[in-house]
Amino acid sequence: MNQATDPISIRQLLEQATRLLNTESARLDAEVLLGHVLQQPRSHFHAWPEKLLPAASRKHFNQLLQRRLKGEPVAYLTGEREFWSLPLTVTTDTLIPRPETETLVARALERIPADRPHTIADLGTGSGAIAFAIARERPLCRIIATDIATAAIEVAHNTARRLGIHSIEFRTGYWCKPLTGMRFDMIVSNPPYIATTNPHLESGDVRFEPRTALASGPQGMDDLTPIAQCAINHLEPGGWLLMEHGYDQGELTRQLLEATGFVEVITYTDDAGLDRVVAGKSCP
């Protein structure tokens, strides 16, 4: 990279960073990082490619670039990830929201009426992605979001204040434990579901994310199972449970819900055509 004292344009800096990163997402990563440094949208770079950058901005960008070259996720470097068109705060205490999880949100919204109140629990809320998306689309809902990690709850609570979303109550605890005495029209969850032996856990961005939010026993089912078992006791008759799961866990999760007593169990695929969400209804 050019020294901080050498004049360099936005175009030149982005081209150099893209070559250094040398990945499929290199250009996007570089633009997102520079946008964060300059507090400008990516469209700014296309409108002003020859604009020279201040030395302080170049130094900050190069520091972030070096961290990205070591594998740190862009979302952690910027402290933000967009989900369902919402700018969510993410830290190393939270999982980075994935596009696949929007499948769960879309399927949940299909079952949530827009014209009347609905009670929903989001188990293992993390950054709050699912809860915020539902709250934005269905403002009449009352949502209880739980997570065992106090730090994650704090992140989500701060995001709620920043976004001006007041229909979510955050509670700390293990899956359904904070829901004692309560029943819901729907329960949603994106729990850990990767097998602890999966080599994917040791590669790429995933290395930097909280392991407890990713790995879940030898088959990846150690959290899906207790969620199904506790959720059925907290759903109103005819209420729905929707859980995200791994691409190869469709059959296992359907069997789990059916064995637990859910009916009308169905698997939904994500945009890549992979099994991603299981849904089941509590007996009316």
C-alpha atoms as a PDB file:
ATOM      1  CA  MET A   1       0.000   0.000   0.000  1.00  0.00           C
ATOM      2  CA  ASN A   2       1.068   3.601  -0.544  1.00  0.00           C
ATOM      3  CA  GLN A   3       2.627   5.372   2.379  1.00  0.00           C
ATOM      4  CA  ALA A   4       0.322   7.717   4.285  1.00  0.00           C
ATOM      5  CA  THR A   5       2.254  10.701   2.917  1.00  0.00           C
ATOM      6  CA  ASP A   6       1.674   9.734  -0.740  1.00  0.00           C
ATOM      7  CA  PRO A   7      -1.422  11.239  -2.377  1.00  0.00           C
ATOM      8  CA  ILE A   8      -3.894   8.520  -3.303  1.00  0.00           C
ATOM      9  CA  SER A   9      -7.397   8.602  -4.733  1.00  0.00           C
ATOM     10  CA  ILE A  10     -10.413   6.565  -3.666  1.00  0.00           C
ATOM     11  CA  ARG A  11     -10.155   4.529  -6.869  1.00  0.00           C
ATOM     12  CA  GLN A  12      -6.465   3.755  -6.377  1.00  0.00           C
ATOM     13  CA  LEU A  13      -6.912   2.807  -2.725  1.00  0.00           C
ATOM     14  CA  LEU A  14      -9.807   0.476  -3.474  1.00  0.00           C
ATOM     15  CA  GLU A  15      -7.954  -1.158  -6.363  1.00  0.00           C
ATOM     16  CA  GLN A  16      -4.896  -1.783  -4.203  1.00  0.00           C
ATOM     17  CA  ALA A  17      -6.978  -3.146  -1.330  1.00  0.00           C
ATOM     18  CA  THR A  18      -8.907  -5.442  -3.673  1.00  0.00           C
ATOM     19  CA  ARG A  19      -5.686  -6.927  -5.019  1.00  0.00           C
ATOM     20  CA  LEU A  20      -4.338  -7.463  -1.516  1.00  0.00           C
ATOM     21  CA  LEU A  21      -7.488  -9.149  -0.213  1.00  0.00           C
ATOM     22  CA  ASN A  22      -7.712 -11.356  -3.328  1.00  0.00           C
ATOM     23  CA  THR A  23     -11.037 -13.035  -2.451  1.00  0.00           C
ATOM     24  CA  GLU A  24     -14.426 -13.238  -4.146  1.00  0.00           C
ATOM     25  CA  SER A  25     -15.728 -10.474  -1.880  1.00  0.00           C
ATOM     26  CA  ALA A  26     -12.543  -8.390  -1.945  1.00  0.00           C
ATOM     27  CA  ARG A  27     -13.966  -5.318  -3.684  1.00  0.00           C
ATOM     28  CA  LEU A  28     -17.107  -5.315  -1.559  1.00  0.00           C
ATOM     29  CA  ASP A  29     -15.076  -5.736   1.635  1.00  0.00           C
ATOM     30  CA  ALA A  30     -12.803  -2.860   0.668  1.00  0.00           C
ATOM     31  CA  GLU A  31     -15.727  -0.569  -0.146  1.00  0.00           C
ATOM     32  CA  VAL A  32     -17.564  -1.411   3.083  1.00  0.00           C
ATOM     33  CA  LEU A  33     -14.453  -0.729   5.156  1.00  0.00           C
ATOM     34  CA  LEU A  34     -13.762   2.571   3.383  1.00  0.00           C
ATOM     35  CA  GLY A  35     -17.410   3.548   3.718  1.00  0.00           C
ATOM     36  CA  HIS A  36     -17.136   2.925   7.452  1.00  0.00           C
ATOM     37  CA  VAL A  37     -13.979   5.050   7.710  1.00  0.00           C
ATOM     38  CA  LEU A  38     -15.408   7.945   5.701  1.00  0.00           C
ATOM     39  CA  GLN A  39     -19.000   7.533   6.945  1.00  0.00           C
ATOM     40  CA  GLN A  40     -20.162   7.567   3.350  1.00  0.00           C
ATOM     41  CA  PRO A  41     -22.322   5.174   1.287  1.00  0.00           C
ATOM     42  CA  ARG A  42     -20.613   3.041  -1.325  1.00  0.00           C
ATOM     43  CA  SER A  43     -22.256   5.166  -4.042  1.00  0.00           C
ATOM     44  CA  HIS A  44     -19.958   8.002  -2.950  1.00  0.00           C
ATOM     45  CA  PHE A  45     -16.950   6.076  -4.291  1.00  0.00           C
ATOM     46  CA  HIS A  46     -18.518   5.686  -7.727  1.00  0.00           C
ATOM     47  CA  ALA A  47     -19.415   9.373  -7.854  1.00  0.00           C
ATOM     48  CA  TRP A  48     -16.009  10.662  -6.678  1.00  0.00           C
ATOM     49  CA  PRO A  49     -13.392   8.016  -7.613  1.00  0.00           C
ATOM     50  CA  GLU A  50     -10.578  10.547  -8.103  1.00  0.00           C
ATOM     51  CA  LYS A  51     -11.087  12.287  -4.778  1.00  0.00           C
ATOM     52  CA  LEU A  52      -7.899  12.281  -2.687  1.00  0.00           C
ATOM     53  CA  LEU A  53      -8.148  10.872   0.811  1.00  0.00           C
ATOM     54  CA  PRO A  54      -6.952  12.578   3.998  1.00  0.00           C
ATOM     55  CA  ALA A  55      -3.923  10.930   5.607  1.00  0.00           C
ATOM     56  CA  ALA A  56      -5.857  10.095   8.795  1.00  0.00           C
ATOM     57  CA  SER A  57      -8.563   8.305   6.830  1.00  0.00           C
ATOM     58  CA  ARG A  58      -6.010   6.326   4.850  1.00  0.00           C
ATOM     59  CA  LYS A  59      -4.236   5.293   8.043  1.00  0.00           C
ATOM     60  CA  HIS A  60      -7.491   4.143   9.639  1.00  0.00           C
ATOM     61  CA  PHE A  61      -8.471   2.237   6.498  1.00  0.00           C
ATOM     62  CA  ASN A  62      -5.085   0.517   6.290  1.00  0.00           C
ATOM     63  CA  GLN A  63      -5.357  -0.562   9.932  1.00  0.00           C
ATOM     64  CA  LEU A  64      -8.747  -2.158   9.269  1.00  0.00           C
ATOM     65  CA  LEU A  65      -7.447  -3.717   6.058  1.00  0.00           C
ATOM     66  CA  GLN A  66      -4.586  -5.406   7.905  1.00  0.00           C
ATOM     67  CA  ARG A  67      -7.045  -6.897  10.374  1.00  0.00           C
ATOM     68  CA  ARG A  68      -9.238  -8.104   7.508  1.00  0.00           C
ATOM     69  CA  LEU A  69      -6.204  -9.726   5.901  1.00  0.00           C
ATOM     70  CA  LYS A  70      -5.799 -11.729   9.129  1.00  0.00           C
ATOM     71  CA  GLY A  71      -9.359 -12.976   8.754  1.00  0.00           C
ATOM     72  CA  GLU A  72     -11.415 -10.742  11.023  1.00  0.00           C
ATOM     73  CA  PRO A  73     -14.983 -10.427   9.699  1.00  0.00           C
ATOM     74  CA  VAL A  74     -15.907  -7.122   8.107  1.00  0.00           C
ATOM     75  CA  ALA A  75     -18.987  -6.902  10.337  1.00  0.00           C
ATOM     76  CA  TYR A  76     -16.826  -6.954  13.471  1.00  0.00           C
ATOM     77  CA  LEU A  77     -14.464  -4.369  11.997  1.00  0.00           C
ATOM     78  CA  THR A  78     -17.317  -1.962  11.287  1.00  0.00           C
ATOM     79  CA  GLY A  79     -19.516  -3.014  14.220  1.00  0.00           C
ATOM     80  CA  GLU A  80     -22.534  -3.323  11.952  1.00  0.00           C
ATOM     81  CA  ARG A  81     -24.339  -5.753   9.630  1.00  0.00           C
ATOM     82  CA  GLU A  82     -27.478  -5.099   7.633  1.00  0.00           C
ATOM     83  CA  PHE A  83     -30.295  -7.587   8.121  1.00  0.00           C
ATOM     84  CA  TRP A  84     -33.795  -7.217   6.692  1.00  0.00           C
ATOM     85  CA  SER A  85     -32.736  -3.676   5.665  1.00  0.00           C
ATOM     86  CA  LEU A  86     -31.985  -2.839   9.308  1.00  0.00           C
ATOM     87  CA  PRO A  87     -28.517  -1.663  10.439  1.00  0.00           C
ATOM     88  CA  LEU A  88     -27.803  -3.998  13.354  1.00  0.00           C
ATOM     89  CA  THR A  89     -24.965  -3.624  15.829  1.00  0.00           C
ATOM     90  CA  VAL A  90     -22.724  -6.691  16.031  1.00  0.00           C
ATOM     91  CA  THR A  91     -19.786  -7.418  18.299  1.00  0.00           C
ATOM     92  CA  THR A  92     -17.653 -10.445  19.067  1.00  0.00           C
ATOM     93  CA  ASP A  93     -20.329 -11.321  21.657  1.00  0.00           C
ATOM     94  CA  THR A  94     -22.904 -11.921  18.908  1.00  0.00           C
ATOM     95  CA  LEU A  95     -23.234 -14.092  15.842  1.00  0.00           C
ATOM     96  CA  ILE A  96     -23.100 -12.174  12.581  1.00  0.00           C
ATOM     97  CA  PRO A  97     -26.590 -12.338  10.982  1.00  0.00           C
ATOM     98  CA  ARG A  98     -26.708 -14.403   7.780  1.00  0.00           C
ATOM     99  CA  PRO A  99     -28.931 -13.912   4.724  1.00  0.00           C
ATOM    100  CA  GLU A 100     -30.259 -17.467   5.206  1.00  0.00           C
ATOM    101  CA  THR A 101     -31.920 -16.390   8.438  1.00  0.00           C
ATOM    102  CA  GLU A 102     -34.174 -14.070   6.468  1.00  0.00           C
ATOM    103  CA  THR A 103     -35.897 -17.281   5.305  1.00  0.00           C
ATOM    104  CA  LEU A 104     -37.037 -17.855   8.881  1.00  0.00           C
ATOM    105  CA  VAL A 105     -38.270 -14.256   9.158  1.00  0.00           C
ATOM    106  CA  ALA A 106     -40.202 -14.492   5.885  1.00  0.00           C
ATOM    107  CA  ARG A 107     -41.882 -17.742   6.869  1.00  0.00           C
ATOM    108  CA  ALA A 108     -42.724 -16.424  10.313  1.00  0.00           C
ATOM    109  CA  LEU A 109     -44.309 -13.277   8.872  1.00  0.00           C
ATOM    110  CA  GLU A 110     -46.565 -15.442   6.706  1.00  0.00           C
ATOM    111  CA  ARG A 111     -48.145 -16.739   9.909  1.00  0.00           C
ATOM    112  CA  ILE A 112     -48.304 -13.483  11.877  1.00  0.00           C
ATOM    113  CA  PRO A 113     -51.402 -11.345  11.278  1.00  0.00           C
ATOM    114  CA  ALA A 114     -50.680  -7.706  10.484  1.00  0.00           C
ATOM    115  CA  ASP A 115     -53.941  -6.382  11.891  1.00  0.00           C
ATOM    116  CA  ARG A 116     -53.995  -7.750  15.440  1.00  0.00           C
ATOM    117  CA  PRO A 117     -51.626  -8.399  18.369  1.00  0.00           C
ATOM    118  CA  HIS A 118     -49.512 -11.541  18.440  1.00  0.00           C
ATOM    119  CA  THR A 119     -47.162 -12.778  21.184  1.00  0.00           C
ATOM    120  CA  ILE A 120     -43.793 -14.091  20.039  1.00  0.00           C
ATOM    121  CA  ALA A 121     -40.663 -15.439  21.731  1.00  0.00           C
ATOM    122  CA  ASP A 122     -37.262 -15.307  20.033  1.00  0.00           C
ATOM    123  CA  LEU A 123     -34.935 -17.803  21.709  1.00  0.00           C
ATOM    124  CA  GLY A 124     -31.194 -17.141  21.475  1.00  0.00           C
ATOM    125  CA  THR A 125     -31.713 -13.680  20.024  1.00  0.00           C
ATOM    126  CA  GLY A 126     -28.009 -12.749  19.774  1.00  0.00           C
ATOM    127  CA  SER A 127     -27.851  -9.435  17.906  1.00  0.00           C
ATOM    128  CA  GLY A 128     -31.662  -9.376  17.905  1.00  0.00           C
ATOM    129  CA  ALA A 129     -31.867  -9.818  14.119  1.00  0.00           C
ATOM    130  CA  ILE A 130     -35.018 -11.951  13.998  1.00  0.00           C
ATOM    131  CA  ALA A 131     -36.825 -10.015  16.717  1.00  0.00           C
ATOM    132  CA  PHE A 132     -36.064  -6.644  15.106  1.00  0.00           C
ATOM    133  CA  ALA A 133     -37.180  -7.788  11.654  1.00  0.00           C
ATOM    134  CA  ILE A 134     -40.493  -9.105  12.990  1.00  0.00           C
ATOM    135  CA  ALA A 135     -41.030  -6.026  15.152  1.00  0.00           C
ATOM    136  CA  ARG A 136     -40.449  -3.741  12.176  1.00  0.00           C
ATOM    137  CA  GLU A 137     -42.899  -5.654   9.962  1.00  0.00           C
ATOM    138  CA  ARG A 138     -45.513  -6.428  12.629  1.00  0.00           C
ATOM    139  CA  PRO A 139     -45.600  -3.471  15.059  1.00  0.00           C
ATOM    140  CA  LEU A 140     -48.606  -4.881  16.941  1.00  0.00           C
ATOM    141  CA  CYS A 141     -46.581  -7.874  18.137  1.00  0.00           C
ATOM    142  CA  ARG A 142     -45.264  -8.243  21.645  1.00  0.00           C
ATOM    143  CA  ILE A 143     -41.892  -9.983  21.523  1.00  0.00           C
ATOM    144  CA  ILE A 144     -39.822 -11.554  24.304  1.00  0.00           C
ATOM    145  CA  ALA A 145     -36.211 -12.110  23.196  1.00  0.00           C
ATOM    146  CA  THR A 146     -33.989 -14.357  25.292  1.00  0.00           C
ATOM    147  CA  ASP A 147     -30.302 -15.196  25.291  1.00  0.00           C
ATOM    148  CA  ILE A 148     -28.024 -16.906  27.777  1.00  0.00           C
ATOM    149  CA  ALA A 149     -25.268 -14.362  27.063  1.00  0.00           C
ATOM    150  CA  THR A 150     -25.699 -11.155  29.042  1.00  0.00           C
ATOM    151  CA  ALA A 151     -23.317  -9.326  26.700  1.00  0.00           C
ATOM    152  CA  ALA A 152     -25.436 -10.254  23.665  1.00  0.00           C
ATOM    153  CA  ILE A 153     -28.602  -9.062  25.400  1.00  0.00           C
ATOM    154  CA  GLU A 154     -26.901  -5.735  26.111  1.00  0.00           C
ATOM    155  CA  VAL A 155     -25.915  -5.353  22.445  1.00  0.00           C
ATOM    156  CA  ALA A 156     -29.472  -6.088  21.278  1.00  0.00           C
ATOM    157  CA  HIS A 157     -30.992  -3.794  23.894  1.00  0.00           C
ATOM    158  CA  ASN A 158     -28.782  -0.907  22.754  1.00  0.00           C
ATOM    159  CA  THR A 159     -29.748  -1.563  19.139  1.00  0.00           C
ATOM    160  CA  ALA A 160     -33.424  -1.433  20.078  1.00  0.00           C
ATOM    161  CA  ARG A 161     -32.927   2.001  21.603  1.00  0.00           C
ATOM    162  CA  ARG A 162     -31.002   3.206  18.545  1.00  0.00           C
ATOM    163  CA  LEU A 163     -33.660   1.937  16.138  1.00  0.00           C
ATOM    164  CA  GLY A 164     -36.523   3.218  18.266  1.00  0.00           C
ATOM    165  CA  ILE A 165     -38.120  -0.237  18.560  1.00  0.00           C
ATOM    166  CA  HIS A 166     -39.987  -0.559  21.852  1.00  0.00           C
ATOM    167  CA  SER A 167     -42.082  -3.710  21.389  1.00  0.00           C
ATOM    168  CA  ILE A 168     -39.306  -6.131  22.399  1.00  0.00           C
ATOM    169  CA  GLU A 169     -38.497  -7.176  25.959  1.00  0.00           C
ATOM    170  CA  PHE A 170     -35.059  -8.716  26.444  1.00  0.00           C
ATOM    171  CA  ARG A 171     -34.473 -11.398  29.075  1.00  0.00           C
ATOM    172  CA  THR A 172     -31.342 -13.340  30.014  1.00  0.00           C
ATOM    173  CA  GLY A 173     -31.554 -17.100  30.382  1.00  0.00           C
ATOM    174  CA  TYR A 174     -31.272 -20.535  28.783  1.00  0.00           C
ATOM    175  CA  TRP A 175     -33.810 -20.989  25.976  1.00  0.00           C
ATOM    176  CA  CYS A 176     -37.304 -21.091  27.597  1.00  0.00           C
ATOM    177  CA  LYS A 177     -36.172 -20.561  31.192  1.00  0.00           C
ATOM    178  CA  PRO A 178     -37.045 -16.820  31.144  1.00  0.00           C
ATOM    179  CA  LEU A 179     -40.552 -17.652  29.878  1.00  0.00           C
ATOM    180  CA  THR A 180     -41.890 -19.294  33.041  1.00  0.00           C
ATOM    181  CA  GLY A 181     -45.679 -19.104  33.191  1.00  0.00           C
ATOM    182  CA  MET A 182     -45.998 -17.592  29.707  1.00  0.00           C
ATOM    183  CA  ARG A 183     -47.558 -18.848  26.477  1.00  0.00           C
ATOM    184  CA  PHE A 184     -47.021 -17.529  22.965  1.00  0.00           C
ATOM    185  CA  ASP A 185     -48.654 -17.566  19.572  1.00  0.00           C
ATOM    186  CA  MET A 186     -45.262 -18.252  18.004  1.00  0.00           C
ATOM    187  CA  ILE A 187     -41.728 -19.158  19.046  1.00  0.00           C
ATOM    188  CA  VAL A 188     -38.777 -18.609  16.692  1.00  0.00           C
ATOM    189  CA  SER A 189     -35.120 -19.474  17.069  1.00  0.00           C
ATOM    190  CA  ASN A 190     -31.832 -19.559  15.190  1.00  0.00           C
ATOM    191  CA  PRO A 191     -29.830 -21.709  17.617  1.00  0.00           C
ATOM    192  CA  PRO A 192     -26.366 -23.257  17.300  1.00  0.00           C
ATOM    193  CA  TYR A 193     -26.600 -26.229  14.927  1.00  0.00           C
ATOM    194  CA  ILE A 194     -23.106 -26.996  13.616  1.00  0.00           C
ATOM    195  CA  ALA A 195     -21.534 -30.297  14.697  1.00  0.00           C
ATOM    196  CA  THR A 196     -18.601 -29.711  17.041  1.00  0.00           C
ATOM    197  CA  THR A 197     -16.330 -31.755  14.752  1.00  0.00           C
ATOM    198  CA  ASN A 198     -17.161 -29.747  11.626  1.00  0.00           C
ATOM    199  CA  PRO A 199     -13.887 -28.330  10.186  1.00  0.00           C
ATOM    200  CA  HIS A 200     -15.841 -25.272   8.995  1.00  0.00           C
ATOM    201  CA  LEU A 201     -15.613 -23.983  12.570  1.00  0.00           C
ATOM    202  CA  GLU A 202     -11.873 -23.500  12.120  1.00  0.00           C
ATOM    203  CA  SER A 203     -11.976 -21.619   8.814  1.00  0.00           C
ATOM    204  CA  GLY A 204     -12.786 -18.166   7.501  1.00  0.00           C
ATOM    205  CA  ASP A 205     -14.791 -15.582   9.393  1.00  0.00           C
ATOM    206  CA  VAL A 206     -16.402 -18.245  11.582  1.00  0.00           C
ATOM    207  CA  ARG A 207     -13.180 -18.563  13.598  1.00  0.00           C
ATOM    208  CA  PHE A 208     -13.849 -15.156  15.150  1.00  0.00           C
ATOM    209  CA  GLU A 209     -17.488 -15.720  16.111  1.00  0.00           C
ATOM    210  CA  PRO A 210     -18.593 -17.010  19.527  1.00  0.00           C
ATOM    211  CA  ARG A 211     -18.316 -20.806  19.427  1.00  0.00           C
ATOM    212  CA  THR A 212     -21.281 -21.198  21.770  1.00  0.00           C
ATOM    213  CA  ALA A 213     -23.488 -19.526  19.124  1.00  0.00           C
ATOM    214  CA  LEU A 214     -22.369 -21.994  16.440  1.00  0.00           C
ATOM    215  CA  ALA A 215     -21.499 -25.472  17.698  1.00  0.00           C
ATOM    216  CA  SER A 216     -23.995 -27.870  19.267  1.00  0.00           C
ATOM    217  CA  GLY A 217     -22.808 -31.404  19.935  1.00  0.00           C
ATOM    218  CA  PRO A 218     -21.689 -34.248  17.672  1.00  0.00           C
ATOM    219  CA  GLN A 219     -24.726 -33.989  15.343  1.00  0.00           C
ATOM    220  CA  GLY A 220     -25.400 -30.295  15.829  1.00  0.00           C
ATOM    221  CA  MET A 221     -28.692 -31.146  17.542  1.00  0.00           C
ATOM    222  CA  ASP A 222     -27.880 -30.432  21.202  1.00  0.00           C
ATOM    223  CA  ASP A 223     -29.753 -27.104  21.181  1.00  0.00           C
ATOM    224  CA  LEU A 224     -32.458 -27.803  18.610  1.00  0.00           C
ATOM    225  CA  THR A 225     -33.683 -30.669  20.806  1.00  0.00           C
ATOM    226  CA  PRO A 226     -34.231 -28.798  24.112  1.00  0.00           C
ATOM    227  CA  ILE A 227     -35.784 -25.870  22.238  1.00  0.00           C
ATOM    228  CA  ALA A 228     -38.401 -28.135  20.665  1.00  0.00           C
ATOM    229  CA  GLN A 229     -39.051 -29.829  23.988  1.00  0.00           C
ATOM    230  CA  CYS A 230     -39.537 -26.618  25.947  1.00  0.00           C
ATOM    231  CA  ALA A 231     -41.279 -24.634  23.212  1.00  0.00           C
ATOM    232  CA  ILE A 232     -44.242 -26.989  23.002  1.00  0.00           C
ATOM    233  CA  ASN A 233     -45.019 -26.175  26.640  1.00  0.00           C
ATOM    234  CA  HIS A 234     -44.997 -22.430  25.986  1.00  0.00           C
ATOM    235  CA  LEU A 235     -47.141 -22.299  22.849  1.00  0.00           C
ATOM    236  CA  GLU A 236     -50.833 -21.568  22.728  1.00  0.00           C
ATOM    237  CA  PRO A 237     -52.902 -24.356  21.116  1.00  0.00           C
ATOM    238  CA  GLY A 238     -52.306 -24.018  17.393  1.00  0.00           C
ATOM    239  CA  GLY A 239     -49.187 -21.908  17.942  1.00  0.00           C
ATOM    240  CA  TRP A 240     -46.145 -22.334  15.719  1.00  0.00           C
ATOM    241  CA  LEU A 241     -42.480 -23.092  16.338  1.00  0.00           C
ATOM    242  CA  LEU A 242     -39.990 -22.128  13.613  1.00  0.00           C
ATOM    243  CA  MET A 243     -36.296 -23.008  13.923  1.00  0.00           C
ATOM    244  CA  GLU A 244     -33.364 -22.497  11.598  1.00  0.00           C
ATOM    245  CA  HIS A 245     -31.132 -25.549  11.120  1.00  0.00           C
ATOM    246  CA  GLY A 246     -28.259 -26.835   9.008  1.00  0.00           C
ATOM    247  CA  TYR A 247     -28.663 -27.727   5.339  1.00  0.00           C
ATOM    248  CA  ASP A 248     -28.297 -31.448   6.153  1.00  0.00           C
ATOM    249  CA  GLN A 249     -30.596 -31.520   9.192  1.00  0.00           C
ATOM    250  CA  GLY A 250     -33.992 -31.302   7.498  1.00  0.00           C
ATOM    251  CA  GLU A 251     -35.015 -34.894   8.167  1.00  0.00           C
ATOM    252  CA  LEU A 252     -33.612 -34.917  11.702  1.00  0.00           C
ATOM    253  CA  THR A 253     -35.452 -31.756  12.701  1.00  0.00           C
ATOM    254  CA  ARG A 254     -38.735 -32.946  11.192  1.00  0.00           C
ATOM    255  CA  GLN A 255     -38.426 -36.198  13.144  1.00  0.00           C
ATOM    256  CA  LEU A 256     -37.602 -34.207  16.286  1.00  0.00           C
ATOM    257  CA  LEU A 257     -40.694 -32.009  16.055  1.00  0.00           C
ATOM    258  CA  GLU A 258     -42.994 -34.901  15.229  1.00  0.00           C
ATOM    259  CA  ALA A 259     -41.628 -36.951  18.144  1.00  0.00           C
ATOM    260  CA  THR A 260     -42.116 -33.976  20.450  1.00  0.00           C
ATOM    261  CA  GLY A 261     -45.797 -33.705  19.540  1.00  0.00           C
ATOM    262  CA  PHE A 262     -45.887 -31.024  16.839  1.00  0.00           C
ATOM    263  CA  VAL A 263     -48.204 -31.462  13.863  1.00  0.00           C
ATOM    264  CA  GLU A 264     -48.191 -30.141  10.287  1.00  0.00           C
ATOM    265  CA  VAL A 265     -44.380 -30.253  10.398  1.00  0.00           C
ATOM    266  CA  ILE A 266     -42.755 -28.823   7.279  1.00  0.00           C
ATOM    267  CA  THR A 267     -39.278 -27.900   6.053  1.00  0.00           C
ATOM    268  CA  TYR A 268     -38.576 -24.702   4.110  1.00  0.00           C
ATOM    269  CA  THR A 269     -35.594 -24.125   1.839  1.00  0.00           C
ATOM    270  CA  ASP A 270     -33.457 -21.001   1.620  1.00  0.00           C
ATOM    271  CA  ASP A 271     -32.654 -19.019  -1.530  1.00  0.00           C
ATOM    272  CA  ALA A 272     -29.984 -21.580  -2.426  1.00  0.00           C
ATOM    273  CA  GLY A 273     -32.565 -24.381  -2.358  1.00  0.00           C
ATOM    274  CA  LEU A 274     -31.131 -25.928   0.816  1.00  0.00           C
ATOM    275  CA  ASP A 275     -33.199 -27.144   3.762  1.00  0.00           C
ATOM    276  CA  ARG A 276     -33.004 -24.302   6.281  1.00  0.00           C
ATOM    277  CA  VAL A 277     -36.119 -23.862   8.473  1.00  0.00           C
ATOM    278  CA  VAL A 278     -38.414 -26.334  10.173  1.00  0.00           C
ATOM    279  CA  ALA A 279     -41.909 -25.360  11.307  1.00  0.00           C
ATOM    280  CA  GLY A 280     -44.404 -27.238  13.426  1.00  0.00           C
ATOM    281  CA  LYS A 281     -47.752 -26.461  15.048  1.00  0.00           C
ATOM    282  CA  SER A 282     -48.768 -27.312  18.584  1.00  0.00           C
ATOM    283  CA  CYS A 283     -51.925 -29.408  18.770  1.00  0.00           C
ATOM    284  CA  PRO A 284     -55.096 -27.236  18.796  1.00  0.00           C
END
